[in-house]
Amino acid sequence: MSDHQHYKGGHEIDAPPTRELFNIVWGLGAITLLSILTCVQLFNTQRDELQKERYSQTSWRLAEYQTGQDKLRFESGEYELNDDGKVVMVKYVPLARATEKVLQEPKLLKAAPPPPGFVHPDDMAGGGQAAAPAAAAVKAPAPTEAPPAGAEGATAGPAPVDGDAKPAEAAPAESGAGH
């Protein structure tokens, strides 16, 4: 007949399948978690492949920069600099080529002659003034007559010479001032 039981109070319904319900919920949760992990792993794999593909190719900006730097490093020429609107052309020679030229011809290190009218600061400062243009002679003013002895600012006579100097007389102190 049936598996259900009867109690004193009447007919009871069967017990709910809670054990099976928890097993189903846990099983579906595990499947969902595994599918999420799989999607994340697929996303990471795709990202890694895209980065590998992009990084295997050189950037066109970097390639252009390297080409320009190789030109400066291995070739001679002129380089244009823009200094606040003023264009300045700079000549350049690679270091290895410049070294070879100087070793073959040491006179290349000799300085160029100075421009006309140039006076080196060392010639002017260190007593070698002969190289500097002569300065105009400065004339002393003509002596004037000495003011009379009693005039304001006048001296009594010429300054003493050879140890004949006398100490200045002290001015008399004013008595009763300020008391």
N, C-alpha and C. Protein backbone atom coordinates (compact mmCIF):
# COMPACT_ATOMS: atom_id res chain seq x y z
N MET A 1 0.81 -1.17 0.00
CA MET A 1 0.00 0.00 0.00
C MET A 1 0.87 1.27 0.00
N SER A 2 0.69 2.20 0.86
CA SER A 2 1.48 3.42 0.79
C SER A 2 2.46 3.46 1.95
N ASP A 3 3.42 4.32 1.78
CA ASP A 3 4.47 4.44 2.79
C ASP A 3 4.14 5.45 3.87
N HIS A 4 3.05 6.11 3.76
CA HIS A 4 2.78 7.13 4.76
C HIS A 4 2.24 6.50 6.03
N GLN A 5 2.36 7.26 7.12
CA GLN A 5 1.99 6.72 8.42
C GLN A 5 0.74 7.41 8.94
N HIS A 6 0.09 6.74 9.83
CA HIS A 6 -1.08 7.31 10.47
C HIS A 6 -0.76 7.58 11.92
N TYR A 7 -1.24 8.69 12.42
CA TYR A 7 -1.04 9.05 13.82
C TYR A 7 -2.39 9.09 14.51
N LYS A 8 -2.34 9.32 15.79
CA LYS A 8 -3.59 9.31 16.55
C LYS A 8 -4.55 10.38 16.08
N GLY A 9 -4.08 11.44 15.66
CA GLY A 9 -4.97 12.53 15.30
C GLY A 9 -5.48 12.47 13.88
N GLY A 10 -5.09 11.60 13.13
CA GLY A 10 -5.60 11.54 11.78
C GLY A 10 -4.49 11.26 10.77
N HIS A 11 -4.82 11.57 9.55
CA HIS A 11 -3.92 11.28 8.44
C HIS A 11 -2.91 12.40 8.28
N GLU A 12 -1.59 12.14 8.22
CA GLU A 12 -0.53 13.12 8.04
C GLU A 12 0.01 13.03 6.62
N ILE A 13 0.42 14.24 6.08
CA ILE A 13 1.00 14.22 4.74
C ILE A 13 2.46 13.80 4.83
N ASP A 14 2.98 13.43 3.74
CA ASP A 14 4.37 12.96 3.71
C ASP A 14 5.33 14.10 4.07
N ALA A 15 6.49 13.80 4.62
CA ALA A 15 7.52 14.78 4.99
C ALA A 15 8.10 15.38 3.71
N PRO A 16 8.37 16.69 3.69
CA PRO A 16 8.92 17.32 2.48
C PRO A 16 10.32 16.79 2.21
N PRO A 17 10.75 16.75 0.95
CA PRO A 17 12.08 16.22 0.58
C PRO A 17 13.17 17.28 0.79
N THR A 18 13.37 17.69 2.03
CA THR A 18 14.35 18.76 2.31
C THR A 18 15.78 18.34 1.99
N ARG A 19 16.08 17.09 2.24
CA ARG A 19 17.43 16.62 1.96
C ARG A 19 17.71 16.71 0.46
N GLU A 20 16.80 16.34 -0.36
CA GLU A 20 16.98 16.40 -1.81
C GLU A 20 17.00 17.85 -2.29
N LEU A 21 16.19 18.73 -1.66
CA LEU A 21 16.14 20.14 -2.04
C LEU A 21 17.49 20.81 -1.79
N PHE A 22 18.10 20.58 -0.62
CA PHE A 22 19.42 21.15 -0.34
C PHE A 22 20.47 20.63 -1.30
N ASN A 23 20.42 19.39 -1.64
CA ASN A 23 21.37 18.82 -2.61
C ASN A 23 21.24 19.50 -3.97
N ILE A 24 19.99 19.77 -4.39
CA ILE A 24 19.78 20.43 -5.68
C ILE A 24 20.32 21.87 -5.65
N VAL A 25 20.04 22.60 -4.54
CA VAL A 25 20.50 23.99 -4.43
C VAL A 25 22.03 24.04 -4.42
N TRP A 26 22.66 23.19 -3.63
CA TRP A 26 24.12 23.18 -3.58
C TRP A 26 24.71 22.78 -4.93
N GLY A 27 24.13 21.86 -5.61
CA GLY A 27 24.62 21.42 -6.92
C GLY A 27 24.52 22.54 -7.95
N LEU A 28 23.36 23.23 -7.98
CA LEU A 28 23.20 24.34 -8.93
C LEU A 28 24.16 25.51 -8.59
N GLY A 29 24.37 25.76 -7.30
CA GLY A 29 25.32 26.82 -6.89
C GLY A 29 26.73 26.49 -7.36
N ALA A 30 27.14 25.22 -7.21
CA ALA A 30 28.48 24.82 -7.65
C ALA A 30 28.62 24.95 -9.16
N ILE A 31 27.59 24.56 -9.91
CA ILE A 31 27.63 24.69 -11.38
C ILE A 31 27.72 26.16 -11.78
N THR A 32 26.97 27.04 -11.10
CA THR A 32 27.01 28.48 -11.40
C THR A 32 28.39 29.05 -11.11
N LEU A 33 28.98 28.67 -9.97
CA LEU A 33 30.30 29.16 -9.61
C LEU A 33 31.35 28.72 -10.63
N LEU A 34 31.28 27.46 -11.04
CA LEU A 34 32.23 26.96 -12.04
C LEU A 34 32.06 27.67 -13.38
N SER A 35 30.82 27.98 -13.77
CA SER A 35 30.60 28.68 -15.05
C SER A 35 31.15 30.11 -14.98
N ILE A 36 31.02 30.77 -13.80
CA ILE A 36 31.57 32.12 -13.64
C ILE A 36 33.09 32.08 -13.74
N LEU A 37 33.71 31.11 -13.05
CA LEU A 37 35.16 30.99 -13.11
C LEU A 37 35.64 30.71 -14.54
N THR A 38 34.90 29.91 -15.26
CA THR A 38 35.24 29.59 -16.65
C THR A 38 35.17 30.85 -17.52
N CYS A 39 34.12 31.65 -17.34
CA CYS A 39 34.00 32.90 -18.12
C CYS A 39 35.14 33.86 -17.82
N VAL A 40 35.51 33.99 -16.54
CA VAL A 40 36.61 34.88 -16.18
C VAL A 40 37.91 34.39 -16.79
N GLN A 41 38.13 33.09 -16.75
CA GLN A 41 39.36 32.54 -17.32
C GLN A 41 39.40 32.74 -18.83
N LEU A 42 38.28 32.58 -19.51
CA LEU A 42 38.22 32.82 -20.96
C LEU A 42 38.52 34.29 -21.28
N PHE A 43 37.96 35.19 -20.47
CA PHE A 43 38.21 36.62 -20.66
C PHE A 43 39.70 36.91 -20.49
N ASN A 44 40.34 36.38 -19.44
CA ASN A 44 41.77 36.62 -19.22
C ASN A 44 42.62 36.06 -20.35
N THR A 45 42.26 34.90 -20.86
CA THR A 45 43.00 34.29 -21.96
C THR A 45 42.89 35.15 -23.22
N GLN A 46 41.69 35.64 -23.51
CA GLN A 46 41.50 36.49 -24.69
C GLN A 46 42.28 37.80 -24.54
N ARG A 47 42.25 38.40 -23.35
CA ARG A 47 43.00 39.64 -23.12
C ARG A 47 44.50 39.41 -23.31
N ASP A 48 45.02 38.30 -22.79
CA ASP A 48 46.44 38.00 -22.93
C ASP A 48 46.83 37.82 -24.40
N GLU A 49 45.99 37.16 -25.18
CA GLU A 49 46.29 36.97 -26.60
C GLU A 49 46.26 38.29 -27.36
N LEU A 50 45.30 39.17 -27.03
CA LEU A 50 45.24 40.47 -27.69
C LEU A 50 46.47 41.31 -27.35
N GLN A 51 46.88 41.30 -26.09
CA GLN A 51 48.07 42.06 -25.69
C GLN A 51 49.32 41.50 -26.36
N LYS A 52 49.43 40.21 -26.43
CA LYS A 52 50.58 39.59 -27.07
C LYS A 52 50.65 39.99 -28.54
N GLU A 53 49.51 40.01 -29.20
CA GLU A 53 49.47 40.40 -30.61
C GLU A 53 49.84 41.88 -30.78
N ARG A 54 49.30 42.74 -29.91
CA ARG A 54 49.58 44.17 -30.02
C ARG A 54 51.03 44.49 -29.66
N TYR A 55 51.57 43.83 -28.66
CA TYR A 55 52.93 44.12 -28.22
C TYR A 55 53.98 43.53 -29.15
N SER A 56 53.62 42.58 -29.96
CA SER A 56 54.58 42.01 -30.90
C SER A 56 54.88 42.99 -32.03
N GLN A 57 53.96 43.93 -32.30
CA GLN A 57 54.17 44.93 -33.34
C GLN A 57 54.73 46.20 -32.69
N THR A 58 55.68 46.82 -33.35
CA THR A 58 56.27 48.06 -32.84
C THR A 58 55.33 49.22 -33.13
N SER A 59 55.22 50.11 -32.19
CA SER A 59 54.41 51.31 -32.37
C SER A 59 55.00 52.16 -33.50
N TRP A 60 54.17 52.75 -34.32
CA TRP A 60 54.67 53.56 -35.43
C TRP A 60 55.38 54.80 -34.89
N ARG A 61 54.95 55.32 -33.75
CA ARG A 61 55.63 56.48 -33.17
C ARG A 61 57.02 56.08 -32.69
N LEU A 62 57.11 54.94 -32.03
CA LEU A 62 58.40 54.48 -31.54
C LEU A 62 59.33 54.16 -32.71
N ALA A 63 58.80 53.56 -33.76
CA ALA A 63 59.62 53.24 -34.93
C ALA A 63 60.14 54.53 -35.57
N GLU A 64 59.30 55.54 -35.67
CA GLU A 64 59.70 56.83 -36.25
C GLU A 64 60.78 57.49 -35.39
N TYR A 65 60.60 57.44 -34.08
CA TYR A 65 61.57 58.02 -33.15
C TYR A 65 62.91 57.29 -33.26
N GLN A 66 62.89 55.97 -33.29
CA GLN A 66 64.14 55.20 -33.38
C GLN A 66 64.86 55.48 -34.70
N THR A 67 64.11 55.65 -35.77
CA THR A 67 64.72 55.96 -37.06
C THR A 67 65.42 57.31 -37.00
N GLY A 68 64.75 58.29 -36.40
CA GLY A 68 65.36 59.61 -36.25
C GLY A 68 66.60 59.58 -35.38
N GLN A 69 66.55 58.83 -34.28
CA GLN A 69 67.71 58.73 -33.40
C GLN A 69 68.87 58.00 -34.07
N ASP A 70 68.57 56.98 -34.86
CA ASP A 70 69.63 56.28 -35.59
C ASP A 70 70.29 57.21 -36.60
N LYS A 71 69.49 58.08 -37.22
CA LYS A 71 70.04 59.05 -38.17
C LYS A 71 71.00 59.99 -37.44
N LEU A 72 70.60 60.45 -36.26
CA LEU A 72 71.47 61.36 -35.50
C LEU A 72 72.72 60.64 -34.99
N ARG A 73 72.58 59.36 -34.69
CA ARG A 73 73.69 58.61 -34.10
C ARG A 73 74.72 58.16 -35.14
N PHE A 74 74.27 57.84 -36.35
CA PHE A 74 75.17 57.23 -37.32
C PHE A 74 75.49 58.11 -38.52
N GLU A 75 74.81 59.23 -38.69
CA GLU A 75 75.01 60.08 -39.86
C GLU A 75 75.34 61.49 -39.42
N SER A 76 75.95 62.26 -40.30
CA SER A 76 76.23 63.67 -40.04
C SER A 76 75.15 64.51 -40.72
N GLY A 77 74.97 65.71 -40.21
CA GLY A 77 74.00 66.58 -40.85
C GLY A 77 73.67 67.78 -40.00
N GLU A 78 72.53 68.39 -40.29
CA GLU A 78 72.06 69.54 -39.53
C GLU A 78 70.72 69.20 -38.89
N TYR A 79 70.52 69.75 -37.73
CA TYR A 79 69.28 69.50 -36.97
C TYR A 79 68.65 70.86 -36.70
N GLU A 80 67.36 70.95 -36.91
CA GLU A 80 66.66 72.22 -36.74
C GLU A 80 66.03 72.29 -35.35
N LEU A 81 66.38 73.35 -34.61
CA LEU A 81 65.80 73.59 -33.30
C LEU A 81 64.93 74.84 -33.36
N ASN A 82 63.78 74.80 -32.71
CA ASN A 82 62.90 75.96 -32.68
C ASN A 82 63.01 76.58 -31.29
N ASP A 83 63.60 77.76 -31.21
CA ASP A 83 63.81 78.45 -29.93
C ASP A 83 62.86 79.64 -29.85
N ASP A 84 61.66 79.39 -29.35
CA ASP A 84 60.63 80.44 -29.24
C ASP A 84 60.42 81.17 -30.56
N GLY A 85 60.25 80.43 -31.62
CA GLY A 85 59.99 81.02 -32.92
C GLY A 85 61.24 81.27 -33.74
N LYS A 86 62.38 81.30 -33.10
CA LYS A 86 63.64 81.50 -33.82
C LYS A 86 64.20 80.12 -34.17
N VAL A 87 64.37 79.87 -35.46
CA VAL A 87 64.87 78.58 -35.91
C VAL A 87 66.39 78.61 -35.92
N VAL A 88 66.99 77.65 -35.24
CA VAL A 88 68.44 77.56 -35.15
C VAL A 88 68.85 76.23 -35.76
N MET A 89 69.82 76.27 -36.65
CA MET A 89 70.32 75.05 -37.27
C MET A 89 71.59 74.61 -36.53
N VAL A 90 71.60 73.37 -36.07
CA VAL A 90 72.72 72.82 -35.32
C VAL A 90 73.34 71.71 -36.15
N LYS A 91 74.65 71.79 -36.33
CA LYS A 91 75.35 70.73 -37.06
C LYS A 91 75.76 69.64 -36.08
N TYR A 92 75.70 68.41 -36.51
CA TYR A 92 76.07 67.31 -35.63
C TYR A 92 76.89 66.28 -36.39
N VAL A 93 77.77 65.63 -35.65
CA VAL A 93 78.60 64.55 -36.17
C VAL A 93 78.58 63.46 -35.11
N PRO A 94 78.38 62.21 -35.50
CA PRO A 94 78.40 61.14 -34.51
C PRO A 94 79.74 61.07 -33.79
N LEU A 95 79.71 60.67 -32.54
CA LEU A 95 80.90 60.66 -31.70
C LEU A 95 82.00 59.77 -32.28
N ALA A 96 81.64 58.61 -32.77
CA ALA A 96 82.66 57.70 -33.31
C ALA A 96 83.35 58.33 -34.52
N ARG A 97 82.58 58.96 -35.39
CA ARG A 97 83.16 59.59 -36.59
C ARG A 97 84.02 60.80 -36.21
N ALA A 98 83.56 61.58 -35.23
CA ALA A 98 84.33 62.74 -34.78
C ALA A 98 85.65 62.29 -34.15
N THR A 99 85.61 61.21 -33.38
CA THR A 99 86.84 60.68 -32.78
C THR A 99 87.83 60.25 -33.85
N GLU A 100 87.34 59.57 -34.88
CA GLU A 100 88.23 59.14 -35.97
C GLU A 100 88.85 60.34 -36.66
N LYS A 101 88.06 61.37 -36.93
CA LYS A 101 88.58 62.55 -37.62
C LYS A 101 89.65 63.24 -36.78
N VAL A 102 89.43 63.37 -35.48
CA VAL A 102 90.40 64.05 -34.62
C VAL A 102 91.68 63.22 -34.50
N LEU A 103 91.55 61.91 -34.43
CA LEU A 103 92.75 61.07 -34.34
C LEU A 103 93.55 61.13 -35.64
N GLN A 104 92.88 61.25 -36.77
CA GLN A 104 93.57 61.35 -38.06
C GLN A 104 94.19 62.73 -38.25
N GLU A 105 93.50 63.75 -37.77
CA GLU A 105 93.95 65.13 -37.98
C GLU A 105 93.80 65.92 -36.68
N PRO A 106 94.80 65.90 -35.79
CA PRO A 106 94.68 66.56 -34.48
C PRO A 106 94.49 68.07 -34.57
N LYS A 107 94.89 68.70 -35.69
CA LYS A 107 94.73 70.15 -35.79
C LYS A 107 93.24 70.57 -35.83
N LEU A 108 92.34 69.62 -35.94
CA LEU A 108 90.91 69.95 -35.90
C LEU A 108 90.47 70.46 -34.53
N LEU A 109 91.27 70.15 -33.50
CA LEU A 109 90.93 70.61 -32.16
C LEU A 109 91.35 72.06 -31.91
N LYS A 110 92.11 72.64 -32.83
CA LYS A 110 92.57 74.01 -32.66
C LYS A 110 91.36 74.95 -32.77
N ALA A 111 91.35 75.95 -31.88
CA ALA A 111 90.23 76.88 -31.87
C ALA A 111 90.25 77.77 -33.10
N ALA A 112 89.09 78.20 -33.50
CA ALA A 112 88.98 79.11 -34.63
C ALA A 112 89.49 80.48 -34.20
N PRO A 113 89.94 81.29 -35.14
CA PRO A 113 90.42 82.63 -34.77
C PRO A 113 89.27 83.47 -34.22
N PRO A 114 89.58 84.38 -33.29
CA PRO A 114 88.51 85.20 -32.71
C PRO A 114 88.00 86.21 -33.73
N PRO A 115 86.80 86.68 -33.56
CA PRO A 115 86.28 87.68 -34.48
C PRO A 115 87.03 89.00 -34.32
N PRO A 116 86.98 89.87 -35.32
CA PRO A 116 87.71 91.14 -35.22
C PRO A 116 87.21 91.98 -34.04
N GLY A 117 88.15 92.59 -33.32
CA GLY A 117 87.79 93.45 -32.20
C GLY A 117 87.57 92.71 -30.89
N PHE A 118 87.74 91.39 -30.88
CA PHE A 118 87.50 90.62 -29.66
C PHE A 118 88.68 90.76 -28.71
N VAL A 119 88.39 91.04 -27.44
CA VAL A 119 89.41 91.11 -26.41
C VAL A 119 89.06 90.06 -25.37
N HIS A 120 89.98 89.16 -25.12
CA HIS A 120 89.73 88.08 -24.18
C HIS A 120 89.67 88.63 -22.76
N PRO A 121 88.72 88.19 -21.93
CA PRO A 121 88.61 88.70 -20.56
C PRO A 121 89.87 88.49 -19.73
N ASP A 122 90.62 87.42 -19.98
CA ASP A 122 91.85 87.19 -19.23
C ASP A 122 92.89 88.26 -19.54
N ASP A 123 92.89 88.74 -20.79
CA ASP A 123 93.84 89.79 -21.17
C ASP A 123 93.51 91.10 -20.47
N MET A 124 92.25 91.34 -20.22
CA MET A 124 91.85 92.60 -19.58
C MET A 124 92.01 92.53 -18.07
N ALA A 125 91.78 91.39 -17.45
CA ALA A 125 91.74 91.30 -16.00
C ALA A 125 93.09 91.03 -15.37
N GLY A 126 93.93 90.25 -15.97
CA GLY A 126 95.15 89.80 -15.30
C GLY A 126 96.35 90.69 -15.51
N GLY A 127 96.19 91.94 -15.77
CA GLY A 127 97.34 92.82 -15.93
C GLY A 127 97.85 92.86 -17.35
N GLY A 128 97.31 92.09 -18.22
CA GLY A 128 97.74 92.10 -19.61
C GLY A 128 96.90 93.08 -20.38
N GLN A 129 96.92 94.31 -19.99
CA GLN A 129 96.05 95.31 -20.58
C GLN A 129 96.56 95.79 -21.93
N ALA A 130 97.70 95.33 -22.30
CA ALA A 130 98.24 95.78 -23.57
C ALA A 130 97.35 95.36 -24.73
N ALA A 131 96.67 94.24 -24.56
CA ALA A 131 95.81 93.76 -25.64
C ALA A 131 94.51 94.53 -25.70
N ALA A 132 94.14 95.17 -24.58
CA ALA A 132 92.89 95.91 -24.53
C ALA A 132 93.09 97.27 -25.20
N PRO A 133 92.02 97.83 -25.77
CA PRO A 133 92.15 99.16 -26.36
C PRO A 133 92.47 100.17 -25.27
N ALA A 134 93.29 101.12 -25.59
CA ALA A 134 93.73 102.11 -24.61
C ALA A 134 92.55 102.99 -24.21
N ALA A 135 92.44 103.19 -22.91
CA ALA A 135 91.38 104.04 -22.40
C ALA A 135 91.82 105.50 -22.52
N ALA A 136 90.89 106.42 -22.63
CA ALA A 136 91.21 107.84 -22.73
C ALA A 136 91.81 108.29 -21.41
N ALA A 137 92.85 109.12 -21.47
CA ALA A 137 93.51 109.60 -20.27
C ALA A 137 92.58 110.54 -19.52
N VAL A 138 92.53 110.38 -18.22
CA VAL A 138 91.69 111.24 -17.39
C VAL A 138 92.57 112.34 -16.82
N LYS A 139 92.17 113.60 -17.01
CA LYS A 139 92.95 114.72 -16.52
C LYS A 139 92.43 115.12 -15.15
N ALA A 140 93.34 115.46 -14.28
CA ALA A 140 92.97 115.94 -12.94
C ALA A 140 92.50 117.39 -13.06
N PRO A 141 91.55 117.79 -12.21
CA PRO A 141 91.10 119.17 -12.29
C PRO A 141 92.21 120.13 -11.87
N ALA A 142 92.17 121.33 -12.41
CA ALA A 142 93.19 122.33 -12.12
C ALA A 142 93.02 122.80 -10.68
N PRO A 143 94.13 123.02 -9.96
CA PRO A 143 94.01 123.47 -8.57
C PRO A 143 93.42 124.89 -8.51
N THR A 144 92.68 125.10 -7.46
CA THR A 144 92.06 126.41 -7.26
C THR A 144 92.75 127.08 -6.08
N GLU A 145 92.51 128.34 -5.90
CA GLU A 145 93.12 129.06 -4.79
C GLU A 145 92.50 128.60 -3.49
N ALA A 146 93.29 128.56 -2.44
CA ALA A 146 92.81 128.16 -1.12
C ALA A 146 91.96 129.29 -0.54
N PRO A 147 90.86 128.97 0.13
CA PRO A 147 90.05 130.01 0.73
C PRO A 147 90.80 130.66 1.88
N PRO A 148 90.40 131.88 2.29
CA PRO A 148 91.07 132.55 3.39
C PRO A 148 90.99 131.73 4.67
N ALA A 149 91.90 131.90 5.58
CA ALA A 149 92.01 131.10 6.79
C ALA A 149 90.79 131.17 7.67
N GLY A 150 90.10 132.22 7.69
CA GLY A 150 88.94 132.33 8.58
C GLY A 150 87.65 131.85 7.94
N ALA A 151 87.68 131.49 6.69
CA ALA A 151 86.45 131.10 5.99
C ALA A 151 85.97 129.74 6.47
N GLU A 152 84.70 129.54 6.29
CA GLU A 152 84.08 128.28 6.73
C GLU A 152 84.62 127.12 5.89
N GLY A 153 85.03 126.02 6.51
CA GLY A 153 85.54 124.85 5.80
C GLY A 153 86.98 125.00 5.40
N ALA A 154 87.62 126.10 5.72
CA ALA A 154 89.00 126.31 5.33
C ALA A 154 89.92 125.68 6.35
N THR A 155 91.09 125.28 5.92
CA THR A 155 92.08 124.71 6.83
C THR A 155 93.11 125.77 7.17
N ALA A 156 93.79 125.59 8.26
CA ALA A 156 94.77 126.58 8.69
C ALA A 156 96.00 126.59 7.82
N GLY A 157 96.30 125.50 7.17
CA GLY A 157 97.48 125.45 6.33
C GLY A 157 97.60 124.08 5.71
N PRO A 158 98.72 123.83 5.09
CA PRO A 158 98.91 122.53 4.48
C PRO A 158 99.03 121.43 5.53
N ALA A 159 98.77 120.20 5.12
CA ALA A 159 98.84 119.06 6.04
C ALA A 159 100.27 118.83 6.44
N PRO A 160 100.52 118.45 7.70
CA PRO A 160 101.89 118.22 8.14
C PRO A 160 102.49 117.00 7.45
N VAL A 161 103.79 117.02 7.30
CA VAL A 161 104.48 115.96 6.58
C VAL A 161 105.51 115.32 7.50
N ASP A 162 105.80 114.04 7.31
CA ASP A 162 106.84 113.28 8.00
C ASP A 162 106.72 113.32 9.52
N GLY A 163 105.63 112.86 10.04
CA GLY A 163 105.50 112.70 11.48
C GLY A 163 105.26 113.99 12.24
N ASP A 164 105.07 115.11 11.59
CA ASP A 164 104.79 116.34 12.28
C ASP A 164 103.31 116.48 12.62
N ALA A 165 102.54 115.42 12.44
CA ALA A 165 101.10 115.50 12.66
C ALA A 165 100.82 115.72 14.13
N LYS A 166 99.88 116.56 14.42
CA LYS A 166 99.49 116.85 15.79
C LYS A 166 98.06 116.36 15.98
N PRO A 167 97.73 115.86 17.18
CA PRO A 167 96.35 115.41 17.41
C PRO A 167 95.40 116.59 17.38
N ALA A 168 94.19 116.31 16.99
CA ALA A 168 93.17 117.36 16.91
C ALA A 168 92.77 117.76 18.31
N GLU A 169 92.47 119.03 18.47
CA GLU A 169 92.05 119.51 19.78
C GLU A 169 90.62 119.08 20.03
N ALA A 170 90.36 118.66 21.26
CA ALA A 170 89.01 118.24 21.61
C ALA A 170 88.14 119.45 21.79
N ALA A 171 86.94 119.37 21.36
CA ALA A 171 86.00 120.48 21.49
C ALA A 171 85.57 120.57 22.94
N PRO A 172 85.43 121.79 23.53
CA PRO A 172 85.02 121.91 24.93
C PRO A 172 83.60 121.40 25.10
N ALA A 173 83.38 120.70 26.20
CA ALA A 173 82.05 120.14 26.48
C ALA A 173 81.13 121.25 26.93
N GLU A 174 79.91 121.18 26.53
CA GLU A 174 78.95 122.20 26.93
C GLU A 174 78.52 121.92 28.36
N SER A 175 78.54 122.91 29.16
CA SER A 175 78.17 122.70 30.56
C SER A 175 76.71 123.02 30.77
N GLY A 176 76.06 122.20 31.57
CA GLY A 176 74.67 122.40 31.92
C GLY A 176 73.68 122.04 30.85
N ALA A 177 74.10 121.48 29.79
CA ALA A 177 73.16 121.13 28.73
C ALA A 177 72.44 119.85 29.08
N GLY A 178 71.16 119.85 28.97
CA GLY A 178 70.35 118.65 29.16
C GLY A 178 70.05 118.36 30.60
N HIS A 179 70.41 119.25 31.61
CA HIS A 179 70.09 118.97 33.01
C HIS A 179 68.98 119.83 33.45
